[in-house]
Amino acid sequence: MLRKYMWLVIFLSAFSPAYGAPAYGTHMPERQHWTCGMEGDFIIDRNLDNDQGGSDVDKYFVTCSYGIFSWLSFDGKIGVGNVDWDRISNSSLHYATNFAGGYGFRIKAFENDECDLKSVVGFQHISVHPDARNQNATKHETIIDEWQGSFVVSKDMGSLVPYLGARYGTMDFIKWENEHDRKRIQSEKYYRVIVGLDFWLNERLKVNLEGAFVDGEEVAAGFSYDF
């Protein structure tokens, strides 16, 4: 047990933010069962294309996953989020907290029982709809859309289950002013390495952390319970 906690400390010491919506790791609910929990997901200064500056997004969710089959799960989440837009040529804008939600699915891929390896292919989407911001007699509105496909492989080490993988995804910053001039701006980078960890507190309750060993702009943490 002491060795497992030492591995957890080492992982957290090396942990740095990553891109994209959380990939959830390889744990999936059993067929016709639920896994529910809470999650915090934070984008830190994600760069936007065409010299549009960067964006920070804070999201807080209640999460639920349902096992449609033993090899397929549906993931859903609902909560709130806020957005900061750090513009290059003008002052920053803060869009206050409002509705956020997301959905996705995961499919089991190969497994190796002898080596305690599992793999999962997934798709995730998150949308944030913060309150409008009025500045200099102009009404600024925005929607944040995150899209991602992912593939992760995990190694079961008892109560610790680290996982590693890759994702392709983007964050779309959709903005308009005074109900006009709607524009979609994409983020600069699309590919990323996923590094995550499930830490099981008992047979049903686990804590999840996700990030990367390379520079990035998002970190996620949460807990869930199997029903």
C-alpha atoms as a PDB file:
ATOM      1  CA  MET A   1       0.000   0.000   0.000  1.00  0.00           C
ATOM      2  CA  LEU A   2       2.832   2.415   0.822  1.00  0.00           C
ATOM      3  CA  ARG A   3       4.366   1.835  -2.611  1.00  0.00           C
ATOM      4  CA  LYS A   4       1.046   2.706  -4.296  1.00  0.00           C
ATOM      5  CA  TYR A   5       0.853   6.007  -2.421  1.00  0.00           C
ATOM      6  CA  MET A   6       4.455   6.744  -3.418  1.00  0.00           C
ATOM      7  CA  TRP A   7       3.530   6.219  -7.076  1.00  0.00           C
ATOM      8  CA  LEU A   8       0.616   8.627  -6.623  1.00  0.00           C
ATOM      9  CA  VAL A   9       2.927  11.313  -5.174  1.00  0.00           C
ATOM     10  CA  ILE A  10       5.401  10.850  -8.056  1.00  0.00           C
ATOM     11  CA  PHE A  11       2.579  11.148 -10.603  1.00  0.00           C
ATOM     12  CA  LEU A  12       1.246  14.350  -9.062  1.00  0.00           C
ATOM     13  CA  SER A  13       4.740  15.857  -8.906  1.00  0.00           C
ATOM     14  CA  ALA A  14       5.204  15.337 -12.653  1.00  0.00           C
ATOM     15  CA  PHE A  15       1.626  16.280 -13.536  1.00  0.00           C
ATOM     16  CA  SER A  16       1.040  19.266 -15.837  1.00  0.00           C
ATOM     17  CA  PRO A  17      -2.044  20.454 -17.760  1.00  0.00           C
ATOM     18  CA  ALA A  18      -3.289  18.867 -20.986  1.00  0.00           C
ATOM     19  CA  TYR A  19      -5.546  19.643 -23.934  1.00  0.00           C
ATOM     20  CA  GLY A  20      -9.137  18.656 -24.568  1.00  0.00           C
ATOM     21  CA  ALA A  21     -12.145  17.307 -22.717  1.00  0.00           C
ATOM     22  CA  PRO A  22     -11.364  14.541 -20.192  1.00  0.00           C
ATOM     23  CA  ALA A  23     -11.092  11.090 -21.775  1.00  0.00           C
ATOM     24  CA  TYR A  24     -12.344   9.337 -18.581  1.00  0.00           C
ATOM     25  CA  GLY A  25      -9.762   6.555 -18.655  1.00  0.00           C
ATOM     26  CA  THR A  26     -10.613   2.915 -19.357  1.00  0.00           C
ATOM     27  CA  HIS A  27     -13.058   2.195 -16.530  1.00  0.00           C
ATOM     28  CA  MET A  28     -16.605   1.776 -17.871  1.00  0.00           C
ATOM     29  CA  PRO A  29     -19.861   0.907 -16.082  1.00  0.00           C
ATOM     30  CA  GLU A  30     -21.139  -2.624 -16.377  1.00  0.00           C
ATOM     31  CA  ARG A  31     -24.036  -3.348 -18.755  1.00  0.00           C
ATOM     32  CA  GLN A  32     -27.237  -1.547 -17.605  1.00  0.00           C
ATOM     33  CA  HIS A  33     -25.399   0.061 -14.669  1.00  0.00           C
ATOM     34  CA  TRP A  34     -24.452   3.669 -13.886  1.00  0.00           C
ATOM     35  CA  THR A  35     -21.276   5.455 -12.848  1.00  0.00           C
ATOM     36  CA  CYS A  36     -21.961   8.954 -11.452  1.00  0.00           C
ATOM     37  CA  GLY A  37     -19.808  11.675  -9.929  1.00  0.00           C
ATOM     38  CA  MET A  38     -18.520  15.243 -10.049  1.00  0.00           C
ATOM     39  CA  GLU A  39     -15.757  16.843 -12.126  1.00  0.00           C
ATOM     40  CA  GLY A  40     -13.809  20.090 -12.445  1.00  0.00           C
ATOM     41  CA  ASP A  41     -12.266  20.858 -15.840  1.00  0.00           C
ATOM     42  CA  PHE A  42     -10.080  23.944 -16.329  1.00  0.00           C
ATOM     43  CA  ILE A  43      -8.647  25.414 -19.553  1.00  0.00           C
ATOM     44  CA  ILE A  44      -5.733  27.765 -18.901  1.00  0.00           C
ATOM     45  CA  ASP A  45      -4.882  30.295 -21.626  1.00  0.00           C
ATOM     46  CA  ARG A  46      -5.609  28.195 -24.696  1.00  0.00           C
ATOM     47  CA  ASN A  47      -4.314  29.990 -27.778  1.00  0.00           C
ATOM     48  CA  LEU A  48      -6.728  30.831 -30.619  1.00  0.00           C
ATOM     49  CA  ASP A  49      -6.052  30.969 -34.361  1.00  0.00           C
ATOM     50  CA  ASN A  50      -5.616  34.163 -36.401  1.00  0.00           C
ATOM     51  CA  ASP A  51      -4.031  36.217 -33.588  1.00  0.00           C
ATOM     52  CA  GLN A  52      -7.266  36.216 -31.598  1.00  0.00           C
ATOM     53  CA  GLY A  53      -5.490  35.898 -28.253  1.00  0.00           C
ATOM     54  CA  GLY A  54      -6.304  33.157 -25.767  1.00  0.00           C
ATOM     55  CA  SER A  55      -9.175  31.864 -23.663  1.00  0.00           C
ATOM     56  CA  ASP A  56      -9.582  30.528 -20.104  1.00  0.00           C
ATOM     57  CA  VAL A  57     -12.585  28.326 -19.302  1.00  0.00           C
ATOM     58  CA  ASP A  58     -13.661  26.941 -15.905  1.00  0.00           C
ATOM     59  CA  LYS A  59     -16.235  24.107 -15.926  1.00  0.00           C
ATOM     60  CA  TYR A  60     -17.919  22.195 -13.106  1.00  0.00           C
ATOM     61  CA  PHE A  61     -20.072  19.150 -13.831  1.00  0.00           C
ATOM     62  CA  VAL A  62     -22.217  16.392 -12.422  1.00  0.00           C
ATOM     63  CA  THR A  63     -21.304  13.366 -14.537  1.00  0.00           C
ATOM     64  CA  CYS A  64     -23.074  10.095 -15.394  1.00  0.00           C
ATOM     65  CA  SER A  65     -22.046   7.168 -17.568  1.00  0.00           C
ATOM     66  CA  TYR A  66     -24.391   4.330 -18.549  1.00  0.00           C
ATOM     67  CA  GLY A  67     -23.329   0.877 -19.729  1.00  0.00           C
ATOM     68  CA  ILE A  68     -25.381   0.253 -22.870  1.00  0.00           C
ATOM     69  CA  PHE A  69     -23.476  -2.971 -23.494  1.00  0.00           C
ATOM     70  CA  SER A  70     -20.479  -4.527 -21.769  1.00  0.00           C
ATOM     71  CA  TRP A  71     -18.294  -2.931 -24.473  1.00  0.00           C
ATOM     72  CA  LEU A  72     -20.108   0.420 -24.986  1.00  0.00           C
ATOM     73  CA  SER A  73     -20.957   3.256 -22.576  1.00  0.00           C
ATOM     74  CA  PHE A  74     -22.692   6.611 -22.989  1.00  0.00           C
ATOM     75  CA  ASP A  75     -21.174   9.561 -21.065  1.00  0.00           C
ATOM     76  CA  GLY A  76     -23.164  12.661 -20.119  1.00  0.00           C
ATOM     77  CA  LYS A  77     -22.551  15.702 -17.946  1.00  0.00           C
ATOM     78  CA  ILE A  78     -24.360  18.868 -16.911  1.00  0.00           C
ATOM     79  CA  GLY A  79     -23.153  21.868 -14.947  1.00  0.00           C
ATOM     80  CA  VAL A  80     -21.905  25.438 -15.220  1.00  0.00           C
ATOM     81  CA  GLY A  81     -18.962  27.274 -16.722  1.00  0.00           C
ATOM     82  CA  ASN A  82     -17.418  30.714 -17.237  1.00  0.00           C
ATOM     83  CA  VAL A  83     -15.095  32.085 -19.928  1.00  0.00           C
ATOM     84  CA  ASP A  84     -12.302  34.678 -20.087  1.00  0.00           C
ATOM     85  CA  TRP A  85     -11.152  35.995 -23.464  1.00  0.00           C
ATOM     86  CA  ASP A  86      -7.678  37.558 -23.382  1.00  0.00           C
ATOM     87  CA  ARG A  87      -7.586  39.627 -26.545  1.00  0.00           C
ATOM     88  CA  ILE A  88      -4.265  40.806 -27.998  1.00  0.00           C
ATOM     89  CA  SER A  89      -5.280  44.280 -29.180  1.00  0.00           C
ATOM     90  CA  ASN A  90      -8.000  45.059 -26.631  1.00  0.00           C
ATOM     91  CA  SER A  91      -8.775  44.528 -22.967  1.00  0.00           C
ATOM     92  CA  SER A  92      -9.907  41.139 -21.684  1.00  0.00           C
ATOM     93  CA  LEU A  93     -13.544  40.103 -21.468  1.00  0.00           C
ATOM     94  CA  HIS A  94     -15.048  37.960 -18.705  1.00  0.00           C
ATOM     95  CA  TYR A  95     -18.256  36.048 -19.468  1.00  0.00           C
ATOM     96  CA  ALA A  96     -19.964  35.099 -16.200  1.00  0.00           C
ATOM     97  CA  THR A  97     -21.024  31.624 -15.088  1.00  0.00           C
ATOM     98  CA  ASN A  98     -23.924  29.954 -16.868  1.00  0.00           C
ATOM     99  CA  PHE A  99     -24.967  26.598 -18.351  1.00  0.00           C
ATOM    100  CA  ALA A 100     -22.475  23.972 -19.557  1.00  0.00           C
ATOM    101  CA  GLY A 101     -22.971  20.391 -20.685  1.00  0.00           C
ATOM    102  CA  GLY A 102     -21.449  17.549 -22.625  1.00  0.00           C
ATOM    103  CA  TYR A 103     -21.860  14.041 -23.968  1.00  0.00           C
ATOM    104  CA  GLY A 104     -19.835  11.243 -25.525  1.00  0.00           C
ATOM    105  CA  PHE A 105     -19.319   7.517 -25.743  1.00  0.00           C
ATOM    106  CA  ARG A 106     -16.539   4.979 -25.179  1.00  0.00           C
ATOM    107  CA  ILE A 107     -15.880   1.597 -26.787  1.00  0.00           C
ATOM    108  CA  LYS A 108     -13.706  -1.133 -25.306  1.00  0.00           C
ATOM    109  CA  ALA A 109     -10.795  -2.125 -27.528  1.00  0.00           C
ATOM    110  CA  PHE A 110      -8.192  -4.798 -26.803  1.00  0.00           C
ATOM    111  CA  GLU A 111      -7.537  -6.248 -23.322  1.00  0.00           C
ATOM    112  CA  ASN A 112      -4.659  -8.343 -21.962  1.00  0.00           C
ATOM    113  CA  ASP A 113      -5.531 -10.071 -18.686  1.00  0.00           C
ATOM    114  CA  GLU A 114      -2.034 -11.391 -18.120  1.00  0.00           C
ATOM    115  CA  CYS A 115      -0.513  -7.896 -18.179  1.00  0.00           C
ATOM    116  CA  ASP A 116      -3.635  -6.193 -16.674  1.00  0.00           C
ATOM    117  CA  LEU A 117      -3.902  -3.914 -19.708  1.00  0.00           C
ATOM    118  CA  LYS A 118      -7.096  -2.339 -21.043  1.00  0.00           C
ATOM    119  CA  SER A 119      -7.764   0.079 -23.896  1.00  0.00           C
ATOM    120  CA  VAL A 120     -10.696   2.308 -24.855  1.00  0.00           C
ATOM    121  CA  VAL A 121     -11.620   4.424 -27.890  1.00  0.00           C
ATOM    122  CA  GLY A 122     -13.825   7.440 -27.147  1.00  0.00           C
ATOM    123  CA  PHE A 123     -15.511  10.578 -28.454  1.00  0.00           C
ATOM    124  CA  GLN A 124     -16.303  13.584 -26.243  1.00  0.00           C
ATOM    125  CA  HIS A 125     -18.046  16.938 -26.740  1.00  0.00           C
ATOM    126  CA  ILE A 126     -18.426  19.807 -24.235  1.00  0.00           C
ATOM    127  CA  SER A 127     -20.320  23.071 -24.769  1.00  0.00           C
ATOM    128  CA  VAL A 128     -20.211  26.129 -22.472  1.00  0.00           C
ATOM    129  CA  HIS A 129     -22.810  28.929 -22.727  1.00  0.00           C
ATOM    130  CA  PRO A 130     -21.705  31.718 -20.354  1.00  0.00           C
ATOM    131  CA  ASP A 131     -23.683  34.894 -19.680  1.00  0.00           C
ATOM    132  CA  ALA A 132     -23.278  37.813 -22.083  1.00  0.00           C
ATOM    133  CA  ARG A 133     -20.928  40.666 -21.215  1.00  0.00           C
ATOM    134  CA  ASN A 134     -21.845  44.313 -21.800  1.00  0.00           C
ATOM    135  CA  GLN A 135     -18.846  46.554 -22.453  1.00  0.00           C
ATOM    136  CA  ASN A 136     -18.759  50.042 -24.010  1.00  0.00           C
ATOM    137  CA  ALA A 137     -22.424  49.798 -25.038  1.00  0.00           C
ATOM    138  CA  THR A 138     -21.711  46.519 -26.857  1.00  0.00           C
ATOM    139  CA  LYS A 139     -23.250  43.191 -25.925  1.00  0.00           C
ATOM    140  CA  HIS A 140     -20.644  40.426 -26.241  1.00  0.00           C
ATOM    141  CA  GLU A 141     -21.783  36.790 -26.362  1.00  0.00           C
ATOM    142  CA  THR A 142     -19.878  33.545 -26.773  1.00  0.00           C
ATOM    143  CA  ILE A 143     -20.168  29.743 -26.851  1.00  0.00           C
ATOM    144  CA  ILE A 144     -17.243  27.378 -26.270  1.00  0.00           C
ATOM    145  CA  ASP A 145     -17.363  24.044 -28.142  1.00  0.00           C
ATOM    146  CA  GLU A 146     -14.818  21.298 -27.471  1.00  0.00           C
ATOM    147  CA  TRP A 147     -14.625  18.230 -29.732  1.00  0.00           C
ATOM    148  CA  GLN A 148     -12.297  15.286 -29.338  1.00  0.00           C
ATOM    149  CA  GLY A 149     -11.588  11.692 -30.279  1.00  0.00           C
ATOM    150  CA  SER A 150      -9.305   9.709 -27.984  1.00  0.00           C
ATOM    151  CA  PHE A 151      -7.541   6.373 -27.488  1.00  0.00           C
ATOM    152  CA  VAL A 152      -6.144   5.363 -24.076  1.00  0.00           C
ATOM    153  CA  VAL A 153      -4.424   2.309 -22.600  1.00  0.00           C
ATOM    154  CA  SER A 154      -4.366   1.580 -18.840  1.00  0.00           C
ATOM    155  CA  LYS A 155      -2.339  -0.639 -16.523  1.00  0.00           C
ATOM    156  CA  ASP A 156      -4.100  -2.064 -13.453  1.00  0.00           C
ATOM    157  CA  MET A 157      -1.892  -1.720 -10.356  1.00  0.00           C
ATOM    158  CA  GLY A 158      -4.536  -2.492  -7.744  1.00  0.00           C
ATOM    159  CA  SER A 159      -5.941   0.736  -6.325  1.00  0.00           C
ATOM    160  CA  LEU A 160      -3.864   2.756  -8.832  1.00  0.00           C
ATOM    161  CA  VAL A 161      -4.718   2.561 -12.542  1.00  0.00           C
ATOM    162  CA  PRO A 162      -2.536   4.902 -14.642  1.00  0.00           C
ATOM    163  CA  TYR A 163      -3.372   5.389 -18.320  1.00  0.00           C
ATOM    164  CA  LEU A 164      -1.697   6.840 -21.375  1.00  0.00           C
ATOM    165  CA  GLY A 165      -3.067   7.742 -24.773  1.00  0.00           C
ATOM    166  CA  ALA A 166      -3.573  10.259 -27.566  1.00  0.00           C
ATOM    167  CA  ARG A 167      -6.344  12.599 -28.692  1.00  0.00           C
ATOM    168  CA  TYR A 168      -7.327  14.700 -31.643  1.00  0.00           C
ATOM    169  CA  GLY A 169      -9.545  17.652 -30.826  1.00  0.00           C
ATOM    170  CA  THR A 170     -10.186  21.355 -30.981  1.00  0.00           C
ATOM    171  CA  MET A 171     -11.817  24.108 -28.972  1.00  0.00           C
ATOM    172  CA  ASP A 172     -14.069  26.445 -30.994  1.00  0.00           C
ATOM    173  CA  PHE A 173     -14.551  29.977 -29.652  1.00  0.00           C
ATOM    174  CA  ILE A 174     -17.846  31.199 -31.159  1.00  0.00           C
ATOM    175  CA  LYS A 175     -18.519  34.909 -30.629  1.00  0.00           C
ATOM    176  CA  TRP A 176     -20.888  37.636 -31.776  1.00  0.00           C
ATOM    177  CA  GLU A 177     -21.736  41.226 -30.853  1.00  0.00           C
ATOM    178  CA  ASN A 178     -25.173  42.841 -30.508  1.00  0.00           C
ATOM    179  CA  GLU A 179     -26.807  39.743 -32.010  1.00  0.00           C
ATOM    180  CA  HIS A 180     -24.719  40.088 -35.224  1.00  0.00           C
ATOM    181  CA  ASP A 181     -21.384  39.157 -36.840  1.00  0.00           C
ATOM    182  CA  ARG A 182     -21.233  35.567 -35.580  1.00  0.00           C
ATOM    183  CA  LYS A 183     -17.695  34.172 -35.943  1.00  0.00           C
ATOM    184  CA  ARG A 184     -16.137  30.786 -35.116  1.00  0.00           C
ATOM    185  CA  ILE A 185     -12.455  30.812 -34.058  1.00  0.00           C
ATOM    186  CA  GLN A 186     -10.623  27.515 -33.563  1.00  0.00           C
ATOM    187  CA  SER A 187      -7.768  26.795 -31.200  1.00  0.00           C
ATOM    188  CA  GLU A 188      -4.240  26.503 -32.574  1.00  0.00           C
ATOM    189  CA  LYS A 189      -3.347  22.923 -31.639  1.00  0.00           C
ATOM    190  CA  TYR A 190      -5.228  19.686 -32.262  1.00  0.00           C
ATOM    191  CA  TYR A 191      -3.100  16.688 -31.205  1.00  0.00           C
ATOM    192  CA  ARG A 192      -2.111  15.852 -27.643  1.00  0.00           C
ATOM    193  CA  VAL A 193      -0.788  13.085 -25.403  1.00  0.00           C
ATOM    194  CA  ILE A 194      -3.131  11.987 -22.596  1.00  0.00           C
ATOM    195  CA  VAL A 195      -1.781  10.997 -19.180  1.00  0.00           C
ATOM    196  CA  GLY A 196      -4.240  10.098 -16.431  1.00  0.00           C
ATOM    197  CA  LEU A 197      -4.732   8.205 -13.205  1.00  0.00           C
ATOM    198  CA  ASP A 198      -7.657   6.475 -11.498  1.00  0.00           C
ATOM    199  CA  PHE A 199      -7.155   6.097  -7.742  1.00  0.00           C
ATOM    200  CA  TRP A 200      -9.636   3.636  -6.221  1.00  0.00           C
ATOM    201  CA  LEU A 201     -10.624   4.444  -2.628  1.00  0.00           C
ATOM    202  CA  ASN A 202     -12.714   1.258  -2.432  1.00  0.00           C
ATOM    203  CA  GLU A 203     -14.380  -1.174  -4.860  1.00  0.00           C
ATOM    204  CA  ARG A 204     -16.866   1.457  -6.106  1.00  0.00           C
ATOM    205  CA  LEU A 205     -15.432   4.925  -5.407  1.00  0.00           C
ATOM    206  CA  LYS A 206     -12.520   6.400  -7.352  1.00  0.00           C
ATOM    207  CA  VAL A 207     -10.709   9.704  -7.882  1.00  0.00           C
ATOM    208  CA  ASN A 208      -9.607  10.653 -11.401  1.00  0.00           C
ATOM    209  CA  LEU A 209      -6.820  13.020 -12.491  1.00  0.00           C
ATOM    210  CA  GLU A 210      -5.905  13.771 -16.091  1.00  0.00           C
ATOM    211  CA  GLY A 211      -3.152  15.774 -17.756  1.00  0.00           C
ATOM    212  CA  ALA A 212       0.138  15.422 -19.644  1.00  0.00           C
ATOM    213  CA  PHE A 213       3.904  15.387 -19.187  1.00  0.00           C
ATOM    214  CA  VAL A 214       4.284  17.953 -21.965  1.00  0.00           C
ATOM    215  CA  ASP A 215       3.184  21.589 -21.977  1.00  0.00           C
ATOM    216  CA  GLY A 216      -0.550  22.056 -22.397  1.00  0.00           C
ATOM    217  CA  GLU A 217      -3.536  24.054 -21.314  1.00  0.00           C
ATOM    218  CA  GLU A 218      -6.116  21.939 -19.500  1.00  0.00           C
ATOM    219  CA  VAL A 219      -6.358  19.908 -16.314  1.00  0.00           C
ATOM    220  CA  ALA A 220      -9.283  17.860 -14.998  1.00  0.00           C
ATOM    221  CA  ALA A 221     -10.032  16.209 -11.663  1.00  0.00           C
ATOM    222  CA  GLY A 222     -13.081  14.464 -10.235  1.00  0.00           C
ATOM    223  CA  PHE A 223     -14.539  11.483  -8.450  1.00  0.00           C
ATOM    224  CA  SER A 224     -17.164   8.896  -9.343  1.00  0.00           C
ATOM    225  CA  TYR A 225     -19.133   6.020  -7.819  1.00  0.00           C
ATOM    226  CA  ASP A 226     -20.326   2.797  -9.462  1.00  0.00           C
ATOM    227  CA  PHE A 227     -24.010   1.953  -8.971  1.00  0.00           C
END
